[in-house]
């Protein structure tokens, strides 16, 4: 193994320590909306609850059945958003396919949107006018900082164009002056996008999607994908083969995930301060 492993747990711990005293002086509460059952979602919700508890932040999970209607879910989210005891709220993705995802996300009030998923929040973020970053983007930025690599002028391959990882990460990288290529589910040959990239950031949720032969020697590889097989969480990157060629690599679990959770609570504090 040649790559240096970027340990997200250490970065997350630093963020949590920085938040501890600031949060102690406030009454904060995070509301999480979950529709149906999803193994990856269950893991992330548990991690969010544990992190909130560690800081003394209130946490409330609103669980709804898979079959909930668009109208009913919208009204429930509106009610949660109006609750004055709720400092910030998130809708855990993915949602059931019969639901209009963006319409549901747009029910989150701007001032409580700590995941930056509503159209209003995302629009401001894309223009560089939002005081917070989407948690995954913030996590990626901190991991890249650890490498000492300057993004301007670099070639970056973003694998996956989803709302949680690919789309916001690609926008942010472009804002930083990088040349960005985005691969999606219709990309016929993924290696064409990845093999010459200085940085690869993947957030698909498909185990073993990226292998060593698809990676340039010395590249930074950030795995933001999550999937569960046989009760074990894994990422998009075949760690063993890629680590032999990459300069830096993140593990799953223990890479992007812990930082994302800590950054979500960082956003909660920022939003509660009226920023």
C-alpha atoms as a PDB file:
ATOM      1  CA  UNK A   1       0.000   0.000   0.000  1.00  0.00           C
ATOM      2  CA  UNK A   2       1.477   3.348  -1.082  1.00  0.00           C
ATOM      3  CA  UNK A   3      -1.336   5.839  -0.439  1.00  0.00           C
ATOM      4  CA  UNK A   4      -1.589   7.911   2.694  1.00  0.00           C
ATOM      5  CA  UNK A   5      -4.918   7.218   4.406  1.00  0.00           C
ATOM      6  CA  UNK A   6      -6.956  10.333   5.200  1.00  0.00           C
ATOM      7  CA  UNK A   7      -8.567   9.562   8.553  1.00  0.00           C
ATOM      8  CA  UNK A   8     -11.880  11.372   8.808  1.00  0.00           C
ATOM      9  CA  UNK A   9     -12.371  10.432  12.442  1.00  0.00           C
ATOM     10  CA  UNK A  10      -9.476  12.681  13.474  1.00  0.00           C
ATOM     11  CA  UNK A  11     -10.798  15.692  11.543  1.00  0.00           C
ATOM     12  CA  UNK A  12     -14.322  15.124  12.879  1.00  0.00           C
ATOM     13  CA  UNK A  13     -12.977  14.993  16.434  1.00  0.00           C
ATOM     14  CA  UNK A  14     -11.340  18.406  15.986  1.00  0.00           C
ATOM     15  CA  UNK A  15     -14.606  19.901  14.710  1.00  0.00           C
ATOM     16  CA  UNK A  16     -16.577  18.415  17.602  1.00  0.00           C
ATOM     17  CA  UNK A  17     -14.110  19.764  20.158  1.00  0.00           C
ATOM     18  CA  UNK A  18     -14.332  23.216  18.592  1.00  0.00           C
ATOM     19  CA  UNK A  19     -18.146  23.073  18.760  1.00  0.00           C
ATOM     20  CA  UNK A  20     -18.403  21.816  22.328  1.00  0.00           C
ATOM     21  CA  UNK A  21     -18.094  25.123  24.208  1.00  0.00           C
ATOM     22  CA  UNK A  22     -20.024  27.121  21.600  1.00  0.00           C
ATOM     23  CA  UNK A  23     -22.963  24.707  21.611  1.00  0.00           C
ATOM     24  CA  UNK A  24     -23.077  24.542  25.408  1.00  0.00           C
ATOM     25  CA  UNK A  25     -24.281  28.138  25.552  1.00  0.00           C
ATOM     26  CA  UNK A  26     -27.257  27.468  23.277  1.00  0.00           C
ATOM     27  CA  UNK A  27     -30.463  25.441  23.235  1.00  0.00           C
ATOM     28  CA  UNK A  28     -30.259  23.606  19.927  1.00  0.00           C
ATOM     29  CA  UNK A  29     -32.423  20.893  18.422  1.00  0.00           C
ATOM     30  CA  UNK A  30     -32.028  18.918  15.199  1.00  0.00           C
ATOM     31  CA  UNK A  31     -35.098  17.367  13.558  1.00  0.00           C
ATOM     32  CA  UNK A  32     -34.611  14.480  11.117  1.00  0.00           C
ATOM     33  CA  UNK A  33     -37.352  13.264   8.760  1.00  0.00           C
ATOM     34  CA  UNK A  34     -37.103   9.665   7.534  1.00  0.00           C
ATOM     35  CA  UNK A  35     -39.425   7.959   5.056  1.00  0.00           C
ATOM     36  CA  UNK A  36     -39.422   4.153   4.977  1.00  0.00           C
ATOM     37  CA  UNK A  37     -36.414   1.953   5.735  1.00  0.00           C
ATOM     38  CA  UNK A  38     -32.911   2.133   4.259  1.00  0.00           C
ATOM     39  CA  UNK A  39     -29.823   0.467   5.751  1.00  0.00           C
ATOM     40  CA  UNK A  40     -27.401   3.287   4.865  1.00  0.00           C
ATOM     41  CA  UNK A  41     -29.860   5.941   6.084  1.00  0.00           C
ATOM     42  CA  UNK A  42     -30.311   4.098   9.380  1.00  0.00           C
ATOM     43  CA  UNK A  43     -26.551   4.142   9.934  1.00  0.00           C
ATOM     44  CA  UNK A  44     -26.199   7.858   9.218  1.00  0.00           C
ATOM     45  CA  UNK A  45     -29.200   8.779  11.352  1.00  0.00           C
ATOM     46  CA  UNK A  46     -27.734   6.840  14.261  1.00  0.00           C
ATOM     47  CA  UNK A  47     -24.394   8.619  13.835  1.00  0.00           C
ATOM     48  CA  UNK A  48     -26.123  12.012  13.763  1.00  0.00           C
ATOM     49  CA  UNK A  49     -28.037  11.193  16.918  1.00  0.00           C
ATOM     50  CA  UNK A  50     -24.870  10.047  18.708  1.00  0.00           C
ATOM     51  CA  UNK A  51     -22.951  13.170  17.689  1.00  0.00           C
ATOM     52  CA  UNK A  52     -25.794  15.475  18.729  1.00  0.00           C
ATOM     53  CA  UNK A  53     -26.033  13.703  22.082  1.00  0.00           C
ATOM     54  CA  UNK A  54     -22.287  14.075  22.611  1.00  0.00           C
ATOM     55  CA  UNK A  55     -22.654  17.853  22.313  1.00  0.00           C
ATOM     56  CA  UNK A  56     -25.899  18.095  24.295  1.00  0.00           C
ATOM     57  CA  UNK A  57     -27.925  18.983  21.205  1.00  0.00           C
ATOM     58  CA  UNK A  58     -31.570  17.918  21.155  1.00  0.00           C
ATOM     59  CA  UNK A  59     -32.480  15.347  18.523  1.00  0.00           C
ATOM     60  CA  UNK A  60     -35.869  14.229  17.241  1.00  0.00           C
ATOM     61  CA  UNK A  61     -36.540  11.648  14.545  1.00  0.00           C
ATOM     62  CA  UNK A  62     -39.800  11.806  12.616  1.00  0.00           C
ATOM     63  CA  UNK A  63     -40.395   8.457  10.892  1.00  0.00           C
ATOM     64  CA  UNK A  64     -43.026   8.058   8.201  1.00  0.00           C
ATOM     65  CA  UNK A  65     -44.170   4.996   6.293  1.00  0.00           C
ATOM     66  CA  UNK A  66     -42.867   4.342   2.787  1.00  0.00           C
ATOM     67  CA  UNK A  67     -46.337   4.871   1.328  1.00  0.00           C
ATOM     68  CA  UNK A  68     -46.916   8.371   2.757  1.00  0.00           C
ATOM     69  CA  UNK A  69     -48.473  10.717   0.196  1.00  0.00           C
ATOM     70  CA  UNK A  70     -46.810  13.826  -1.187  1.00  0.00           C
ATOM     71  CA  UNK A  71     -49.475  16.059   0.353  1.00  0.00           C
ATOM     72  CA  UNK A  72     -49.253  14.457   3.787  1.00  0.00           C
ATOM     73  CA  UNK A  73     -45.452  14.562   3.923  1.00  0.00           C
ATOM     74  CA  UNK A  74     -45.383  18.189   2.795  1.00  0.00           C
ATOM     75  CA  UNK A  75     -47.803  19.197   5.553  1.00  0.00           C
ATOM     76  CA  UNK A  76     -45.799  17.274   8.174  1.00  0.00           C
ATOM     77  CA  UNK A  77     -42.562  18.952   7.097  1.00  0.00           C
ATOM     78  CA  UNK A  78     -44.226  22.359   7.143  1.00  0.00           C
ATOM     79  CA  UNK A  79     -45.358  21.744  10.735  1.00  0.00           C
ATOM     80  CA  UNK A  80     -41.872  20.657  11.825  1.00  0.00           C
ATOM     81  CA  UNK A  81     -40.378  23.716  10.141  1.00  0.00           C
ATOM     82  CA  UNK A  82     -42.704  26.009  12.091  1.00  0.00           C
ATOM     83  CA  UNK A  83     -41.785  24.429  15.431  1.00  0.00           C
ATOM     84  CA  UNK A  84     -39.862  27.119  17.281  1.00  0.00           C
ATOM     85  CA  UNK A  85     -37.940  24.539  19.323  1.00  0.00           C
ATOM     86  CA  UNK A  86     -36.379  23.141  16.116  1.00  0.00           C
ATOM     87  CA  UNK A  87     -33.100  24.905  15.245  1.00  0.00           C
ATOM     88  CA  UNK A  88     -32.418  22.931  12.084  1.00  0.00           C
ATOM     89  CA  UNK A  89     -33.950  20.085  10.112  1.00  0.00           C
ATOM     90  CA  UNK A  90     -33.051  17.590   7.444  1.00  0.00           C
ATOM     91  CA  UNK A  91     -34.945  15.182   5.229  1.00  0.00           C
ATOM     92  CA  UNK A  92     -32.919  11.981   5.041  1.00  0.00           C
ATOM     93  CA  UNK A  93     -32.419  10.833   1.464  1.00  0.00           C
ATOM     94  CA  UNK A  94     -33.309   8.766  -0.485  1.00  0.00           C
ATOM     95  CA  UNK A  95     -37.077   9.239  -0.527  1.00  0.00           C
ATOM     96  CA  UNK A  96     -39.650   6.852  -1.953  1.00  0.00           C
ATOM     97  CA  UNK A  97     -39.806   6.997  -5.763  1.00  0.00           C
ATOM     98  CA  UNK A  98     -43.449   8.071  -5.801  1.00  0.00           C
ATOM     99  CA  UNK A  99     -42.511  11.317  -4.020  1.00  0.00           C
ATOM    100  CA  UNK A 100     -41.346  14.499  -5.752  1.00  0.00           C
ATOM    101  CA  UNK A 101     -38.043  14.809  -3.917  1.00  0.00           C
ATOM    102  CA  UNK A 102     -37.219  18.454  -4.657  1.00  0.00           C
ATOM    103  CA  UNK A 103     -40.729  19.612  -3.818  1.00  0.00           C
ATOM    104  CA  UNK A 104     -40.415  17.886  -0.449  1.00  0.00           C
ATOM    105  CA  UNK A 105     -36.970  19.376   0.206  1.00  0.00           C
ATOM    106  CA  UNK A 106     -38.268  22.834  -0.662  1.00  0.00           C
ATOM    107  CA  UNK A 107     -40.553  22.599   2.365  1.00  0.00           C
ATOM    108  CA  UNK A 108     -37.531  23.067   4.643  1.00  0.00           C
ATOM    109  CA  UNK A 109     -37.280  26.725   5.780  1.00  0.00           C
ATOM    110  CA  UNK A 110     -34.127  28.438   4.487  1.00  0.00           C
ATOM    111  CA  UNK A 111     -32.964  29.372   7.981  1.00  0.00           C
ATOM    112  CA  UNK A 112     -33.271  25.750   9.159  1.00  0.00           C
ATOM    113  CA  UNK A 113     -31.847  24.018   6.081  1.00  0.00           C
ATOM    114  CA  UNK A 114     -28.584  22.685   7.530  1.00  0.00           C
ATOM    115  CA  UNK A 115     -28.128  20.141   4.714  1.00  0.00           C
ATOM    116  CA  UNK A 116     -28.423  22.801   1.925  1.00  0.00           C
ATOM    117  CA  UNK A 117     -30.938  20.754  -0.057  1.00  0.00           C
ATOM    118  CA  UNK A 118     -33.817  23.158  -0.668  1.00  0.00           C
ATOM    119  CA  UNK A 119     -33.867  25.122  -3.934  1.00  0.00           C
ATOM    120  CA  UNK A 120     -33.436  28.390  -2.026  1.00  0.00           C
ATOM    121  CA  UNK A 121     -30.381  27.190  -0.087  1.00  0.00           C
ATOM    122  CA  UNK A 122     -28.809  25.412  -3.033  1.00  0.00           C
ATOM    123  CA  UNK A 123     -29.301  28.440  -5.266  1.00  0.00           C
ATOM    124  CA  UNK A 124     -27.479  30.691  -2.807  1.00  0.00           C
ATOM    125  CA  UNK A 125     -24.725  28.104  -2.385  1.00  0.00           C
ATOM    126  CA  UNK A 126     -24.230  27.818  -6.149  1.00  0.00           C
ATOM    127  CA  UNK A 127     -23.796  31.602  -6.312  1.00  0.00           C
ATOM    128  CA  UNK A 128     -21.334  31.564  -3.416  1.00  0.00           C
ATOM    129  CA  UNK A 129     -23.698  33.578  -1.214  1.00  0.00           C
ATOM    130  CA  UNK A 130     -24.566  31.059   1.504  1.00  0.00           C
ATOM    131  CA  UNK A 131     -22.761  31.287   4.875  1.00  0.00           C
ATOM    132  CA  UNK A 132     -22.554  27.483   5.111  1.00  0.00           C
ATOM    133  CA  UNK A 133     -21.487  24.676   2.782  1.00  0.00           C
ATOM    134  CA  UNK A 134     -23.368  21.422   2.202  1.00  0.00           C
ATOM    135  CA  UNK A 135     -21.924  19.047   4.843  1.00  0.00           C
ATOM    136  CA  UNK A 136     -20.384  16.667   2.291  1.00  0.00           C
ATOM    137  CA  UNK A 137     -18.759  19.566   0.419  1.00  0.00           C
ATOM    138  CA  UNK A 138     -17.322  20.906   3.668  1.00  0.00           C
ATOM    139  CA  UNK A 139     -16.025  17.412   4.486  1.00  0.00           C
ATOM    140  CA  UNK A 140     -14.388  17.085   1.069  1.00  0.00           C
ATOM    141  CA  UNK A 141     -12.818  20.540   1.436  1.00  0.00           C
ATOM    142  CA  UNK A 142     -11.266  19.584   4.785  1.00  0.00           C
ATOM    143  CA  UNK A 143      -9.924  16.293   3.421  1.00  0.00           C
ATOM    144  CA  UNK A 144      -8.376  18.071   0.429  1.00  0.00           C
ATOM    145  CA  UNK A 145      -6.811  20.603   2.794  1.00  0.00           C
ATOM    146  CA  UNK A 146      -5.052  17.702   4.534  1.00  0.00           C
ATOM    147  CA  UNK A 147      -3.361  16.786   1.238  1.00  0.00           C
ATOM    148  CA  UNK A 148      -2.010  20.301   0.757  1.00  0.00           C
ATOM    149  CA  UNK A 149      -3.208  20.226  -2.836  1.00  0.00           C
ATOM    150  CA  UNK A 150      -4.348  23.458  -4.477  1.00  0.00           C
ATOM    151  CA  UNK A 151      -7.557  22.927  -6.482  1.00  0.00           C
ATOM    152  CA  UNK A 152      -7.038  25.720  -8.979  1.00  0.00           C
ATOM    153  CA  UNK A 153      -6.039  24.254 -12.327  1.00  0.00           C
ATOM    154  CA  UNK A 154      -6.387  20.659 -11.182  1.00  0.00           C
ATOM    155  CA  UNK A 155      -8.322  18.004 -13.079  1.00  0.00           C
ATOM    156  CA  UNK A 156     -11.125  16.574 -10.938  1.00  0.00           C
ATOM    157  CA  UNK A 157     -13.376  13.618 -11.732  1.00  0.00           C
ATOM    158  CA  UNK A 158     -16.663  13.608  -9.826  1.00  0.00           C
ATOM    159  CA  UNK A 159     -18.376  10.237 -10.058  1.00  0.00           C
ATOM    160  CA  UNK A 160     -22.124  10.499  -9.536  1.00  0.00           C
ATOM    161  CA  UNK A 161     -24.303  13.581  -9.982  1.00  0.00           C
ATOM    162  CA  UNK A 162     -26.620  13.236  -6.992  1.00  0.00           C
ATOM    163  CA  UNK A 163     -27.907  16.025  -4.752  1.00  0.00           C
ATOM    164  CA  UNK A 164     -25.997  14.933  -1.650  1.00  0.00           C
ATOM    165  CA  UNK A 165     -22.523  14.496  -3.134  1.00  0.00           C
ATOM    166  CA  UNK A 166     -21.876  14.804  -6.859  1.00  0.00           C
ATOM    167  CA  UNK A 167     -23.768  17.936  -7.842  1.00  0.00           C
ATOM    168  CA  UNK A 168     -22.741  20.189  -4.903  1.00  0.00           C
ATOM    169  CA  UNK A 169     -19.149  18.905  -4.924  1.00  0.00           C
ATOM    170  CA  UNK A 170     -18.794  19.531  -8.671  1.00  0.00           C
ATOM    171  CA  UNK A 171     -20.135  23.086  -8.322  1.00  0.00           C
ATOM    172  CA  UNK A 172     -17.804  23.850  -5.427  1.00  0.00           C
ATOM    173  CA  UNK A 173     -14.761  22.471  -7.277  1.00  0.00           C
ATOM    174  CA  UNK A 174     -15.584  24.673 -10.261  1.00  0.00           C
ATOM    175  CA  UNK A 175     -15.883  27.670  -7.940  1.00  0.00           C
ATOM    176  CA  UNK A 176     -12.339  26.883  -6.789  1.00  0.00           C
ATOM    177  CA  UNK A 177     -10.994  27.004 -10.333  1.00  0.00           C
ATOM    178  CA  UNK A 178     -10.679  23.281 -11.027  1.00  0.00           C
ATOM    179  CA  UNK A 179     -11.440  21.600 -14.337  1.00  0.00           C
ATOM    180  CA  UNK A 180     -14.283  19.240 -13.482  1.00  0.00           C
ATOM    181  CA  UNK A 181     -15.616  16.178 -15.316  1.00  0.00           C
ATOM    182  CA  UNK A 182     -18.793  14.566 -13.985  1.00  0.00           C
ATOM    183  CA  UNK A 183     -19.693  10.938 -14.641  1.00  0.00           C
ATOM    184  CA  UNK A 184     -23.269   9.761 -14.159  1.00  0.00           C
ATOM    185  CA  UNK A 185     -25.200   6.500 -14.554  1.00  0.00           C
ATOM    186  CA  UNK A 186     -25.230   6.952 -18.358  1.00  0.00           C
ATOM    187  CA  UNK A 187     -21.453   7.366 -18.703  1.00  0.00           C
ATOM    188  CA  UNK A 188     -20.388   4.436 -20.881  1.00  0.00           C
ATOM    189  CA  UNK A 189     -16.698   4.175 -19.908  1.00  0.00           C
ATOM    190  CA  UNK A 190     -16.000   5.515 -16.425  1.00  0.00           C
ATOM    191  CA  UNK A 191     -12.240   5.115 -16.779  1.00  0.00           C
ATOM    192  CA  UNK A 192     -12.189   7.767 -19.532  1.00  0.00           C
ATOM    193  CA  UNK A 193     -13.286  10.273 -16.869  1.00  0.00           C
ATOM    194  CA  UNK A 194     -11.137   9.021 -13.975  1.00  0.00           C
ATOM    195  CA  UNK A 195      -7.807   7.803 -15.360  1.00  0.00           C
ATOM    196  CA  UNK A 196      -6.200  11.227 -15.933  1.00  0.00           C
ATOM    197  CA  UNK A 197      -7.765  13.016 -12.945  1.00  0.00           C
ATOM    198  CA  UNK A 198      -5.599  14.542 -10.216  1.00  0.00           C
ATOM    199  CA  UNK A 199      -8.510  14.101  -7.808  1.00  0.00           C
ATOM    200  CA  UNK A 200     -11.363  11.573  -7.875  1.00  0.00           C
ATOM    201  CA  UNK A 201     -14.437  12.142  -5.704  1.00  0.00           C
ATOM    202  CA  UNK A 202     -17.068   9.404  -5.833  1.00  0.00           C
ATOM    203  CA  UNK A 203     -20.537   9.364  -4.278  1.00  0.00           C
ATOM    204  CA  UNK A 204     -22.528   6.677  -6.084  1.00  0.00           C
ATOM    205  CA  UNK A 205     -23.096   3.983  -3.470  1.00  0.00           C
ATOM    206  CA  UNK A 206     -21.893   1.047  -5.597  1.00  0.00           C
ATOM    207  CA  UNK A 207     -19.296  -1.256  -4.089  1.00  0.00           C
ATOM    208  CA  UNK A 208     -16.065  -1.688  -6.055  1.00  0.00           C
ATOM    209  CA  UNK A 209     -17.033   0.787  -8.760  1.00  0.00           C
ATOM    210  CA  UNK A 210     -13.538   2.290  -8.964  1.00  0.00           C
ATOM    211  CA  UNK A 211     -10.509   0.020  -9.224  1.00  0.00           C
ATOM    212  CA  UNK A 212      -6.777   0.656  -9.353  1.00  0.00           C
ATOM    213  CA  UNK A 213      -6.542   0.468 -13.155  1.00  0.00           C
ATOM    214  CA  UNK A 214      -8.867   3.487 -13.375  1.00  0.00           C
ATOM    215  CA  UNK A 215      -6.677   5.738 -11.210  1.00  0.00           C
ATOM    216  CA  UNK A 216      -3.644   7.872 -12.099  1.00  0.00           C
ATOM    217  CA  UNK A 217      -0.598   7.237  -9.939  1.00  0.00           C
ATOM    218  CA  UNK A 218      -0.436   9.757  -7.080  1.00  0.00           C
ATOM    219  CA  UNK A 219      -4.059  10.873  -7.407  1.00  0.00           C
ATOM    220  CA  UNK A 220      -6.190  11.898  -4.438  1.00  0.00           C
ATOM    221  CA  UNK A 221      -9.167   9.543  -4.115  1.00  0.00           C
ATOM    222  CA  UNK A 222     -12.073  10.580  -1.880  1.00  0.00           C
ATOM    223  CA  UNK A 223     -14.740   7.923  -1.416  1.00  0.00           C
ATOM    224  CA  UNK A 224     -18.079   9.459  -0.392  1.00  0.00           C
ATOM    225  CA  UNK A 225     -20.124   6.468  -1.504  1.00  0.00           C
ATOM    226  CA  UNK A 226     -21.903   4.182   0.956  1.00  0.00           C
ATOM    227  CA  UNK A 227     -23.581   0.831   0.500  1.00  0.00           C
ATOM    228  CA  UNK A 228     -24.355  -2.063   2.823  1.00  0.00           C
ATOM    229  CA  UNK A 229     -23.771  -5.697   1.926  1.00  0.00           C
ATOM    230  CA  UNK A 230     -24.129  -8.559   4.413  1.00  0.00           C
ATOM    231  CA  UNK A 231     -24.419  -5.980   7.193  1.00  0.00           C
ATOM    232  CA  UNK A 232     -21.088  -4.345   6.337  1.00  0.00           C
ATOM    233  CA  UNK A 233     -20.707  -0.783   5.036  1.00  0.00           C
ATOM    234  CA  UNK A 234     -18.451  -0.209   2.068  1.00  0.00           C
ATOM    235  CA  UNK A 235     -17.650   2.527  -0.420  1.00  0.00           C
ATOM    236  CA  UNK A 236     -17.359   2.965  -4.174  1.00  0.00           C
ATOM    237  CA  UNK A 237     -13.601   2.415  -4.229  1.00  0.00           C
ATOM    238  CA  UNK A 238     -11.829  -0.947  -4.256  1.00  0.00           C
ATOM    239  CA  UNK A 239      -9.541   0.157  -1.446  1.00  0.00           C
ATOM    240  CA  UNK A 240      -6.822  -2.475  -1.854  1.00  0.00           C
ATOM    241  CA  UNK A 241      -6.113  -1.965  -5.559  1.00  0.00           C
ATOM    242  CA  UNK A 242      -6.566   1.826  -5.546  1.00  0.00           C
ATOM    243  CA  UNK A 243      -4.366   2.356  -2.472  1.00  0.00           C
ATOM    244  CA  UNK A 244      -1.425   0.870  -4.403  1.00  0.00           C
ATOM    245  CA  UNK A 245      -1.576   3.730  -6.921  1.00  0.00           C
ATOM    246  CA  UNK A 246      -3.160   6.725  -5.195  1.00  0.00           C
ATOM    247  CA  UNK A 247      -1.263   9.361  -3.264  1.00  0.00           C
ATOM    248  CA  UNK A 248      -4.082   9.826  -0.753  1.00  0.00           C
ATOM    249  CA  UNK A 249      -7.216   7.773  -0.106  1.00  0.00           C
ATOM    250  CA  UNK A 250     -10.152   7.833   2.306  1.00  0.00           C
ATOM    251  CA  UNK A 251     -11.488   4.658   3.946  1.00  0.00           C
ATOM    252  CA  UNK A 252     -15.137   3.633   4.240  1.00  0.00           C
ATOM    253  CA  UNK A 253     -16.200   3.732   6.976  1.00  0.00           C
ATOM    254  CA  UNK A 254     -14.105   6.333   8.780  1.00  0.00           C
ATOM    255  CA  UNK A 255     -13.405   8.781   5.971  1.00  0.00           C
ATOM    256  CA  UNK A 256     -15.949  11.275   4.641  1.00  0.00           C
ATOM    257  CA  UNK A 257     -18.844  10.100   6.841  1.00  0.00           C
ATOM    258  CA  UNK A 258     -17.701  11.217  10.319  1.00  0.00           C
ATOM    259  CA  UNK A 259     -16.693  14.655   9.015  1.00  0.00           C
ATOM    260  CA  UNK A 260     -20.029  15.107   7.244  1.00  0.00           C
ATOM    261  CA  UNK A 261     -21.904  14.464  10.496  1.00  0.00           C
ATOM    262  CA  UNK A 262     -19.717  16.938  12.404  1.00  0.00           C
ATOM    263  CA  UNK A 263     -20.144  19.550   9.655  1.00  0.00           C
ATOM    264  CA  UNK A 264     -23.926  19.139   9.802  1.00  0.00           C
ATOM    265  CA  UNK A 265     -23.820  20.149  13.479  1.00  0.00           C
ATOM    266  CA  UNK A 266     -21.423  22.982  12.606  1.00  0.00           C
ATOM    267  CA  UNK A 267     -24.085  24.247  10.160  1.00  0.00           C
ATOM    268  CA  UNK A 268     -26.739  23.895  12.848  1.00  0.00           C
ATOM    269  CA  UNK A 269     -24.767  26.208  15.127  1.00  0.00           C
ATOM    270  CA  UNK A 270     -24.115  28.734  12.334  1.00  0.00           C
ATOM    271  CA  UNK A 271     -27.784  28.861  11.314  1.00  0.00           C
ATOM    272  CA  UNK A 272     -28.957  29.209  14.926  1.00  0.00           C
ATOM    273  CA  UNK A 273     -26.700  32.268  15.213  1.00  0.00           C
ATOM    274  CA  UNK A 274     -28.741  33.987  12.501  1.00  0.00           C
ATOM    275  CA  UNK A 275     -26.128  33.627   9.758  1.00  0.00           C
END
